[in-house]
Amino acid sequence: MGERIQVGYLARGVADLSVVVLHESYGLFSPLSNVPEVCDRLAATGFQSLAPDLYHGRTAATVDESLHLMAELQESDALACVKQAAALAAAE
């Protein structure tokens, strides 16, 4: 079972392999998101999995809310978040 960390969700695997998993438009910790479970399943097969929270804690419960979150997402911020997650996953 993974854990919430400052940058998202981390599920540790036993292999020296890591994967960054991106969440869908509803947000990483939305009740509609299955990304933490995907990370846990990947970790169970050995892959360390890290899902960065691109929305920094915000979530959506409807399609309209998710479209609003996506529209507000800045490409440069999202890219920096993914790069940070990849560096952290590689260092773990």
PDB file of N, CA and C in Angstrom:
ATOM      1  N   MET A   1       0.846  -1.180   0.000  1.00  0.00           N
ATOM      2  CA  MET A   1       0.000   0.000   0.000  1.00  0.00           C
ATOM      3  C   MET A   1       0.885   1.234   0.000  1.00  0.00           C
ATOM      4  N   GLY A   2       0.577   2.156  -0.877  1.00  0.00           N
ATOM      5  CA  GLY A   2       1.345   3.377  -0.995  1.00  0.00           C
ATOM      6  C   GLY A   2       0.959   4.407   0.050  1.00  0.00           C
ATOM      7  N   GLU A   3       1.530   5.597  -0.119  1.00  0.00           N
ATOM      8  CA  GLU A   3       1.285   6.652   0.854  1.00  0.00           C
ATOM      9  C   GLU A   3       1.243   8.011   0.159  1.00  0.00           C
ATOM     10  N   ARG A   4       0.488   8.907   0.765  1.00  0.00           N
ATOM     11  CA  ARG A   4       0.500  10.293   0.294  1.00  0.00           C
ATOM     12  C   ARG A   4       1.827  10.906   0.720  1.00  0.00           C
ATOM     13  N   ILE A   5       2.446  11.596  -0.205  1.00  0.00           N
ATOM     14  CA  ILE A   5       3.646  12.354   0.113  1.00  0.00           C
ATOM     15  C   ILE A   5       3.418  13.782  -0.373  1.00  0.00           C
ATOM     16  N   GLN A   6       4.359  14.668  -0.090  1.00  0.00           N
ATOM     17  CA  GLN A   6       4.168  16.078  -0.407  1.00  0.00           C
ATOM     18  C   GLN A   6       3.858  16.316  -1.880  1.00  0.00           C
ATOM     19  N   VAL A   7       4.469  15.549  -2.764  1.00  0.00           N
ATOM     20  CA  VAL A   7       4.281  15.790  -4.200  1.00  0.00           C
ATOM     21  C   VAL A   7       3.205  14.921  -4.842  1.00  0.00           C
ATOM     22  N   GLY A   8       2.629  13.989  -4.098  1.00  0.00           N
ATOM     23  CA  GLY A   8       1.610  13.131  -4.698  1.00  0.00           C
ATOM     24  C   GLY A   8       1.399  11.835  -3.947  1.00  0.00           C
ATOM     25  N   TYR A   9       1.505  10.720  -4.662  1.00  0.00           N
ATOM     26  CA  TYR A   9       1.266   9.390  -4.099  1.00  0.00           C
ATOM     27  C   TYR A   9       2.417   8.481  -4.499  1.00  0.00           C
ATOM     28  N   LEU A  10       3.012   7.817  -3.516  1.00  0.00           N
ATOM     29  CA  LEU A  10       4.155   6.946  -3.750  1.00  0.00           C
ATOM     30  C   LEU A  10       3.848   5.531  -3.272  1.00  0.00           C
ATOM     31  N   ALA A  11       4.054   4.564  -4.154  1.00  0.00           N
ATOM     32  CA  ALA A  11       3.932   3.143  -3.807  1.00  0.00           C
ATOM     33  C   ALA A  11       5.287   2.512  -4.106  1.00  0.00           C
ATOM     34  N   ARG A  12       5.942   2.021  -3.075  1.00  0.00           N
ATOM     35  CA  ARG A  12       7.287   1.478  -3.232  1.00  0.00           C
ATOM     36  C   ARG A  12       7.249   0.044  -3.738  1.00  0.00           C
ATOM     37  N   GLY A  13       8.108  -0.235  -4.707  1.00  0.00           N
ATOM     38  CA  GLY A  13       8.275  -1.587  -5.225  1.00  0.00           C
ATOM     39  C   GLY A  13       9.621  -2.131  -4.786  1.00  0.00           C
ATOM     40  N   VAL A  14       9.886  -3.369  -5.137  1.00  0.00           N
ATOM     41  CA  VAL A  14      11.148  -3.997  -4.729  1.00  0.00           C
ATOM     42  C   VAL A  14      12.204  -3.947  -5.823  1.00  0.00           C
ATOM     43  N   ALA A  15      11.822  -3.675  -7.031  1.00  0.00           N
ATOM     44  CA  ALA A  15      12.769  -3.630  -8.141  1.00  0.00           C
ATOM     45  C   ALA A  15      13.440  -2.263  -8.201  1.00  0.00           C
ATOM     46  N   ASP A  16      14.492  -2.181  -8.986  1.00  0.00           N
ATOM     47  CA  ASP A  16      15.174  -0.912  -9.208  1.00  0.00           C
ATOM     48  C   ASP A  16      14.533  -0.124 -10.342  1.00  0.00           C
ATOM     49  N   LEU A  17      13.302  -0.416 -10.627  1.00  0.00           N
ATOM     50  CA  LEU A  17      12.585   0.244 -11.709  1.00  0.00           C
ATOM     51  C   LEU A  17      11.502   1.150 -11.130  1.00  0.00           C
ATOM     52  N   SER A  18      11.356   2.317 -11.733  1.00  0.00           N
ATOM     53  CA  SER A  18      10.344   3.269 -11.272  1.00  0.00           C
ATOM     54  C   SER A  18       9.496   3.715 -12.449  1.00  0.00           C
ATOM     55  N   VAL A  19       8.279   4.113 -12.118  1.00  0.00           N
ATOM     56  CA  VAL A  19       7.367   4.625 -13.139  1.00  0.00           C
ATOM     57  C   VAL A  19       6.618   5.821 -12.546  1.00  0.00           C
ATOM     58  N   VAL A  20       6.417   6.825 -13.383  1.00  0.00           N
ATOM     59  CA  VAL A  20       5.605   7.975 -13.002  1.00  0.00           C
ATOM     60  C   VAL A  20       4.233   7.784 -13.649  1.00  0.00           C
ATOM     61  N   VAL A  21       3.201   7.874 -12.841  1.00  0.00           N
ATOM     62  CA  VAL A  21       1.823   7.669 -13.306  1.00  0.00           C
ATOM     63  C   VAL A  21       1.094   9.008 -13.217  1.00  0.00           C
ATOM     64  N   LEU A  22       0.504   9.434 -14.321  1.00  0.00           N
ATOM     65  CA  LEU A  22      -0.224  10.704 -14.331  1.00  0.00           C
ATOM     66  C   LEU A  22      -1.709  10.475 -14.110  1.00  0.00           C
ATOM     67  N   HIS A  23      -2.289  11.338 -13.296  1.00  0.00           N
ATOM     68  CA  HIS A  23      -3.715  11.191 -12.984  1.00  0.00           C
ATOM     69  C   HIS A  23      -4.589  11.751 -14.092  1.00  0.00           C
ATOM     70  N   GLU A  24      -5.840  11.356 -14.038  1.00  0.00           N
ATOM     71  CA  GLU A  24      -6.809  11.815 -15.008  1.00  0.00           C
ATOM     72  C   GLU A  24      -7.315  13.206 -14.624  1.00  0.00           C
ATOM     73  N   SER A  25      -8.243  13.718 -15.373  1.00  0.00           N
ATOM     74  CA  SER A  25      -8.684  15.111 -15.219  1.00  0.00           C
ATOM     75  C   SER A  25      -9.385  15.410 -13.897  1.00  0.00           C
ATOM     76  N   TYR A  26      -9.833  14.400 -13.178  1.00  0.00           N
ATOM     77  CA  TYR A  26     -10.542  14.636 -11.921  1.00  0.00           C
ATOM     78  C   TYR A  26      -9.616  14.965 -10.759  1.00  0.00           C
ATOM     79  N   GLY A  27      -8.322  14.696 -10.903  1.00  0.00           N
ATOM     80  CA  GLY A  27      -7.370  14.959  -9.830  1.00  0.00           C
ATOM     81  C   GLY A  27      -6.940  13.674  -9.163  1.00  0.00           C
ATOM     82  N   LEU A  28      -5.761  13.697  -8.608  1.00  0.00           N
ATOM     83  CA  LEU A  28      -5.151  12.487  -8.049  1.00  0.00           C
ATOM     84  C   LEU A  28      -5.968  11.857  -6.930  1.00  0.00           C
ATOM     85  N   PHE A  29      -6.490  12.668  -6.027  1.00  0.00           N
ATOM     86  CA  PHE A  29      -7.181  12.110  -4.864  1.00  0.00           C
ATOM     87  C   PHE A  29      -8.702  12.266  -4.937  1.00  0.00           C
ATOM     88  N   SER A  30      -9.223  12.469  -6.131  1.00  0.00           N
ATOM     89  CA  SER A  30     -10.668  12.505  -6.323  1.00  0.00           C
ATOM     90  C   SER A  30     -11.245  11.109  -6.079  1.00  0.00           C
ATOM     91  N   PRO A  31     -12.451  11.032  -5.542  1.00  0.00           N
ATOM     92  CA  PRO A  31     -13.088   9.724  -5.413  1.00  0.00           C
ATOM     93  C   PRO A  31     -13.253   9.013  -6.761  1.00  0.00           C
ATOM     94  N   LEU A  32     -13.184   9.764  -7.841  1.00  0.00           N
ATOM     95  CA  LEU A  32     -13.329   9.189  -9.180  1.00  0.00           C
ATOM     96  C   LEU A  32     -11.995   8.711  -9.760  1.00  0.00           C
ATOM     97  N   SER A  33     -10.912   8.942  -9.046  1.00  0.00           N
ATOM     98  CA  SER A  33      -9.588   8.562  -9.539  1.00  0.00           C
ATOM     99  C   SER A  33      -9.216   7.158  -9.058  1.00  0.00           C
ATOM    100  N   ASN A  34      -8.626   6.389  -9.964  1.00  0.00           N
ATOM    101  CA  ASN A  34      -8.121   5.075  -9.582  1.00  0.00           C
ATOM    102  C   ASN A  34      -6.591   5.043  -9.611  1.00  0.00           C
ATOM    103  N   VAL A  35      -5.960   6.190  -9.746  1.00  0.00           N
ATOM    104  CA  VAL A  35      -4.506   6.243  -9.893  1.00  0.00           C
ATOM    105  C   VAL A  35      -3.760   5.696  -8.666  1.00  0.00           C
ATOM    106  N   PRO A  36      -4.158   6.022  -7.424  1.00  0.00           N
ATOM    107  CA  PRO A  36      -3.455   5.394  -6.295  1.00  0.00           C
ATOM    108  C   PRO A  36      -3.519   3.858  -6.345  1.00  0.00           C
ATOM    109  N   GLU A  37      -4.658   3.315  -6.754  1.00  0.00           N
ATOM    110  CA  GLU A  37      -4.771   1.864  -6.859  1.00  0.00           C
ATOM    111  C   GLU A  37      -3.880   1.319  -7.983  1.00  0.00           C
ATOM    112  N   VAL A  38      -3.778   2.058  -9.082  1.00  0.00           N
ATOM    113  CA  VAL A  38      -2.881   1.655 -10.172  1.00  0.00           C
ATOM    114  C   VAL A  38      -1.444   1.638  -9.665  1.00  0.00           C
ATOM    115  N   CYS A  39      -1.054   2.655  -8.910  1.00  0.00           N
ATOM    116  CA  CYS A  39       0.296   2.701  -8.340  1.00  0.00           C
ATOM    117  C   CYS A  39       0.538   1.507  -7.411  1.00  0.00           C
ATOM    118  N   ASP A  40      -0.451   1.182  -6.588  1.00  0.00           N
ATOM    119  CA  ASP A  40      -0.321   0.034  -5.687  1.00  0.00           C
ATOM    120  C   ASP A  40      -0.162  -1.273  -6.467  1.00  0.00           C
ATOM    121  N   ARG A  41      -0.916  -1.420  -7.541  1.00  0.00           N
ATOM    122  CA  ARG A  41      -0.809  -2.641  -8.360  1.00  0.00           C
ATOM    123  C   ARG A  41       0.560  -2.725  -9.029  1.00  0.00           C
ATOM    124  N   LEU A  42       1.063  -1.607  -9.517  1.00  0.00           N
ATOM    125  CA  LEU A  42       2.403  -1.599 -10.112  1.00  0.00           C
ATOM    126  C   LEU A  42       3.464  -1.942  -9.072  1.00  0.00           C
ATOM    127  N   ALA A  43       3.326  -1.411  -7.875  1.00  0.00           N
ATOM    128  CA  ALA A  43       4.280  -1.713  -6.805  1.00  0.00           C
ATOM    129  C   ALA A  43       4.241  -3.192  -6.438  1.00  0.00           C
ATOM    130  N   ALA A  44       3.060  -3.785  -6.480  1.00  0.00           N
ATOM    131  CA  ALA A  44       2.932  -5.209  -6.170  1.00  0.00           C
ATOM    132  C   ALA A  44       3.674  -6.074  -7.180  1.00  0.00           C
ATOM    133  N   THR A  45       3.883  -5.552  -8.386  1.00  0.00           N
ATOM    134  CA  THR A  45       4.643  -6.298  -9.390  1.00  0.00           C
ATOM    135  C   THR A  45       6.119  -5.916  -9.377  1.00  0.00           C
ATOM    136  N   GLY A  46       6.499  -5.000  -8.471  1.00  0.00           N
ATOM    137  CA  GLY A  46       7.894  -4.642  -8.310  1.00  0.00           C
ATOM    138  C   GLY A  46       8.257  -3.222  -8.665  1.00  0.00           C
ATOM    139  N   PHE A  47       7.424  -2.546  -9.432  1.00  0.00           N
ATOM    140  CA  PHE A  47       7.740  -1.187  -9.869  1.00  0.00           C
ATOM    141  C   PHE A  47       7.430  -0.165  -8.789  1.00  0.00           C
ATOM    142  N   GLN A  48       8.396   0.669  -8.461  1.00  0.00           N
ATOM    143  CA  GLN A  48       8.098   1.812  -7.612  1.00  0.00           C
ATOM    144  C   GLN A  48       7.278   2.783  -8.453  1.00  0.00           C
ATOM    145  N   SER A  49       6.183   3.253  -7.907  1.00  0.00           N
ATOM    146  CA  SER A  49       5.263   4.094  -8.679  1.00  0.00           C
ATOM    147  C   SER A  49       5.019   5.399  -7.950  1.00  0.00           C
ATOM    148  N   LEU A  50       5.158   6.477  -8.673  1.00  0.00           N
ATOM    149  CA  LEU A  50       4.920   7.797  -8.101  1.00  0.00           C
ATOM    150  C   LEU A  50       3.971   8.560  -9.004  1.00  0.00           C
ATOM    151  N   ALA A  51       2.880   9.029  -8.420  1.00  0.00           N
ATOM    152  CA  ALA A  51       1.909   9.839  -9.156  1.00  0.00           C
ATOM    153  C   ALA A  51       1.973  11.259  -8.603  1.00  0.00           C
ATOM    154  N   PRO A  52       2.478  12.201  -9.389  1.00  0.00           N
ATOM    155  CA  PRO A  52       2.503  13.584  -8.919  1.00  0.00           C
ATOM    156  C   PRO A  52       1.100  14.178  -8.938  1.00  0.00           C
ATOM    157  N   ASP A  53       0.831  15.051  -7.975  1.00  0.00           N
ATOM    158  CA  ASP A  53      -0.474  15.708  -7.905  1.00  0.00           C
ATOM    159  C   ASP A  53      -0.394  17.009  -8.697  1.00  0.00           C
ATOM    160  N   LEU A  54      -0.787  16.963  -9.941  1.00  0.00           N
ATOM    161  CA  LEU A  54      -0.680  18.119 -10.824  1.00  0.00           C
ATOM    162  C   LEU A  54      -1.601  19.261 -10.421  1.00  0.00           C
ATOM    163  N   TYR A  55      -2.647  18.956  -9.657  1.00  0.00           N
ATOM    164  CA  TYR A  55      -3.598  19.985  -9.235  1.00  0.00           C
ATOM    165  C   TYR A  55      -3.353  20.446  -7.796  1.00  0.00           C
ATOM    166  N   HIS A  56      -2.319  19.934  -7.153  1.00  0.00           N
ATOM    167  CA  HIS A  56      -1.931  20.356  -5.794  1.00  0.00           C
ATOM    168  C   HIS A  56      -3.097  20.275  -4.809  1.00  0.00           C
ATOM    169  N   GLY A  57      -3.738  19.116  -4.792  1.00  0.00           N
ATOM    170  CA  GLY A  57      -4.792  18.852  -3.820  1.00  0.00           C
ATOM    171  C   GLY A  57      -6.207  19.136  -4.288  1.00  0.00           C
ATOM    172  N   ARG A  58      -6.357  19.862  -5.366  1.00  0.00           N
ATOM    173  CA  ARG A  58      -7.708  20.153  -5.855  1.00  0.00           C
ATOM    174  C   ARG A  58      -8.238  18.946  -6.620  1.00  0.00           C
ATOM    175  N   THR A  59      -9.536  18.719  -6.508  1.00  0.00           N
ATOM    176  CA  THR A  59     -10.172  17.605  -7.198  1.00  0.00           C
ATOM    177  C   THR A  59     -11.502  18.062  -7.789  1.00  0.00           C
ATOM    178  N   ALA A  60     -12.024  17.240  -8.675  1.00  0.00           N
ATOM    179  CA  ALA A  60     -13.305  17.513  -9.317  1.00  0.00           C
ATOM    180  C   ALA A  60     -14.228  16.321  -9.120  1.00  0.00           C
ATOM    181  N   ALA A  61     -15.520  16.628  -9.049  1.00  0.00           N
ATOM    182  CA  ALA A  61     -16.521  15.575  -8.908  1.00  0.00           C
ATOM    183  C   ALA A  61     -17.411  15.463 -10.144  1.00  0.00           C
ATOM    184  N   THR A  62     -17.277  16.416 -11.047  1.00  0.00           N
ATOM    185  CA  THR A  62     -18.091  16.397 -12.266  1.00  0.00           C
ATOM    186  C   THR A  62     -17.190  16.663 -13.468  1.00  0.00           C
ATOM    187  N   VAL A  63     -17.714  16.383 -14.635  1.00  0.00           N
ATOM    188  CA  VAL A  63     -16.968  16.649 -15.868  1.00  0.00           C
ATOM    189  C   VAL A  63     -16.686  18.141 -15.997  1.00  0.00           C
ATOM    190  N   ASP A  64     -17.675  18.982 -15.714  1.00  0.00           N
ATOM    191  CA  ASP A  64     -17.471  20.426 -15.818  1.00  0.00           C
ATOM    192  C   ASP A  64     -16.368  20.904 -14.876  1.00  0.00           C
ATOM    193  N   GLU A  65     -16.355  20.394 -13.645  1.00  0.00           N
ATOM    194  CA  GLU A  65     -15.297  20.765 -12.706  1.00  0.00           C
ATOM    195  C   GLU A  65     -13.932  20.301 -13.208  1.00  0.00           C
ATOM    196  N   SER A  66     -13.877  19.101 -13.769  1.00  0.00           N
ATOM    197  CA  SER A  66     -12.600  18.592 -14.270  1.00  0.00           C
ATOM    198  C   SER A  66     -12.111  19.409 -15.459  1.00  0.00           C
ATOM    199  N   LEU A  67     -13.019  19.837 -16.307  1.00  0.00           N
ATOM    200  CA  LEU A  67     -12.640  20.685 -17.440  1.00  0.00           C
ATOM    201  C   LEU A  67     -12.088  22.020 -16.950  1.00  0.00           C
ATOM    202  N   HIS A  68     -12.658  22.534 -15.884  1.00  0.00           N
ATOM    203  CA  HIS A  68     -12.176  23.782 -15.295  1.00  0.00           C
ATOM    204  C   HIS A  68     -10.759  23.606 -14.739  1.00  0.00           C
ATOM    205  N   LEU A  69     -10.529  22.520 -14.035  1.00  0.00           N
ATOM    206  CA  LEU A  69      -9.185  22.252 -13.495  1.00  0.00           C
ATOM    207  C   LEU A  69      -8.165  22.105 -14.622  1.00  0.00           C
ATOM    208  N   MET A  70      -8.541  21.398 -15.667  1.00  0.00           N
ATOM    209  CA  MET A  70      -7.625  21.220 -16.799  1.00  0.00           C
ATOM    210  C   MET A  70      -7.319  22.550 -17.471  1.00  0.00           C
ATOM    211  N   ALA A  71      -8.320  23.405 -17.587  1.00  0.00           N
ATOM    212  CA  ALA A  71      -8.115  24.706 -18.234  1.00  0.00           C
ATOM    213  C   ALA A  71      -7.181  25.589 -17.422  1.00  0.00           C
ATOM    214  N   GLU A  72      -7.208  25.444 -16.104  1.00  0.00           N
ATOM    215  CA  GLU A  72      -6.347  26.244 -15.240  1.00  0.00           C
ATOM    216  C   GLU A  72      -4.919  25.724 -15.168  1.00  0.00           C
ATOM    217  N   LEU A  73      -4.709  24.487 -15.548  1.00  0.00           N
ATOM    218  CA  LEU A  73      -3.386  23.873 -15.445  1.00  0.00           C
ATOM    219  C   LEU A  73      -2.408  24.552 -16.404  1.00  0.00           C
ATOM    220  N   GLN A  74      -1.313  25.020 -15.858  1.00  0.00           N
ATOM    221  CA  GLN A  74      -0.268  25.647 -16.663  1.00  0.00           C
ATOM    222  C   GLN A  74       0.715  24.572 -17.110  1.00  0.00           C
ATOM    223  N   GLU A  75       0.987  24.523 -18.402  1.00  0.00           N
ATOM    224  CA  GLU A  75       1.868  23.487 -18.951  1.00  0.00           C
ATOM    225  C   GLU A  75       3.233  23.488 -18.275  1.00  0.00           C
ATOM    226  N   SER A  76       3.790  24.644 -18.039  1.00  0.00           N
ATOM    227  CA  SER A  76       5.119  24.713 -17.420  1.00  0.00           C
ATOM    228  C   SER A  76       5.094  24.184 -15.987  1.00  0.00           C
ATOM    229  N   ASP A  77       4.030  24.464 -15.238  1.00  0.00           N
ATOM    230  CA  ASP A  77       3.898  23.956 -13.870  1.00  0.00           C
ATOM    231  C   ASP A  77       3.746  22.435 -13.868  1.00  0.00           C
ATOM    232  N   ALA A  78       2.935  21.927 -14.779  1.00  0.00           N
ATOM    233  CA  ALA A  78       2.718  20.481 -14.862  1.00  0.00           C
ATOM    234  C   ALA A  78       4.018  19.774 -15.241  1.00  0.00           C
ATOM    235  N   LEU A  79       4.742  20.325 -16.199  1.00  0.00           N
ATOM    236  CA  LEU A  79       6.009  19.727 -16.615  1.00  0.00           C
ATOM    237  C   LEU A  79       7.016  19.734 -15.477  1.00  0.00           C
ATOM    238  N   ALA A  80       7.094  20.817 -14.727  1.00  0.00           N
ATOM    239  CA  ALA A  80       8.004  20.879 -13.583  1.00  0.00           C
ATOM    240  C   ALA A  80       7.625  19.840 -12.532  1.00  0.00           C
ATOM    241  N   CYS A  81       6.334  19.656 -12.310  1.00  0.00           N
ATOM    242  CA  CYS A  81       5.853  18.674 -11.336  1.00  0.00           C
ATOM    243  C   CYS A  81       6.214  17.256 -11.771  1.00  0.00           C
ATOM    244  N   VAL A  82       6.050  16.950 -13.044  1.00  0.00           N
ATOM    245  CA  VAL A  82       6.388  15.622 -13.566  1.00  0.00           C
ATOM    246  C   VAL A  82       7.894  15.382 -13.490  1.00  0.00           C
ATOM    247  N   LYS A  83       8.687  16.392 -13.831  1.00  0.00           N
ATOM    248  CA  LYS A  83      10.143  16.265 -13.734  1.00  0.00           C
ATOM    249  C   LYS A  83      10.586  16.031 -12.298  1.00  0.00           C
ATOM    250  N   GLN A  84       9.979  16.748 -11.367  1.00  0.00           N
ATOM    251  CA  GLN A  84      10.301  16.556  -9.958  1.00  0.00           C
ATOM    252  C   GLN A  84       9.944  15.140  -9.515  1.00  0.00           C
ATOM    253  N   ALA A  85       8.799  14.648  -9.949  1.00  0.00           N
ATOM    254  CA  ALA A  85       8.378  13.295  -9.595  1.00  0.00           C
ATOM    255  C   ALA A  85       9.341  12.261 -10.171  1.00  0.00           C
ATOM    256  N   ALA A  86       9.763  12.452 -11.421  1.00  0.00           N
ATOM    257  CA  ALA A  86      10.694  11.509 -12.043  1.00  0.00           C
ATOM    258  C   ALA A  86      12.021  11.492 -11.313  1.00  0.00           C
ATOM    259  N   ALA A  87      12.499  12.658 -10.918  1.00  0.00           N
ATOM    260  CA  ALA A  87      13.776  12.721 -10.174  1.00  0.00           C
ATOM    261  C   ALA A  87      13.632  12.060  -8.810  1.00  0.00           C
ATOM    262  N   LEU A  88      12.528  12.288  -8.138  1.00  0.00           N
ATOM    263  CA  LEU A  88      12.302  11.669  -6.838  1.00  0.00           C
ATOM    264  C   LEU A  88      12.167  10.154  -6.968  1.00  0.00           C
ATOM    265  N   ALA A  89      11.432   9.712  -7.964  1.00  0.00           N
ATOM    266  CA  ALA A  89      11.270   8.255  -8.165  1.00  0.00           C
ATOM    267  C   ALA A  89      12.610   7.590  -8.444  1.00  0.00           C
ATOM    268  N   ALA A  90      13.461   8.251  -9.209  1.00  0.00           N
ATOM    269  CA  ALA A  90      14.781   7.690  -9.525  1.00  0.00           C
ATOM    270  C   ALA A  90      15.683   7.653  -8.304  1.00  0.00           C
ATOM    271  N   ALA A  91      15.492   8.589  -7.376  1.00  0.00           N
ATOM    272  CA  ALA A  91      16.347   8.674  -6.197  1.00  0.00           C
ATOM    273  C   ALA A  91      15.929   7.717  -5.090  1.00  0.00           C
ATOM    274  N   GLU A  92      14.692   7.304  -5.093  1.00  0.00           N
ATOM    275  CA  GLU A  92      14.182   6.421  -4.014  1.00  0.00           C
ATOM    276  C   GLU A  92      14.799   5.056  -4.067  1.00  0.00           C
TER     277      GLU A  92
END
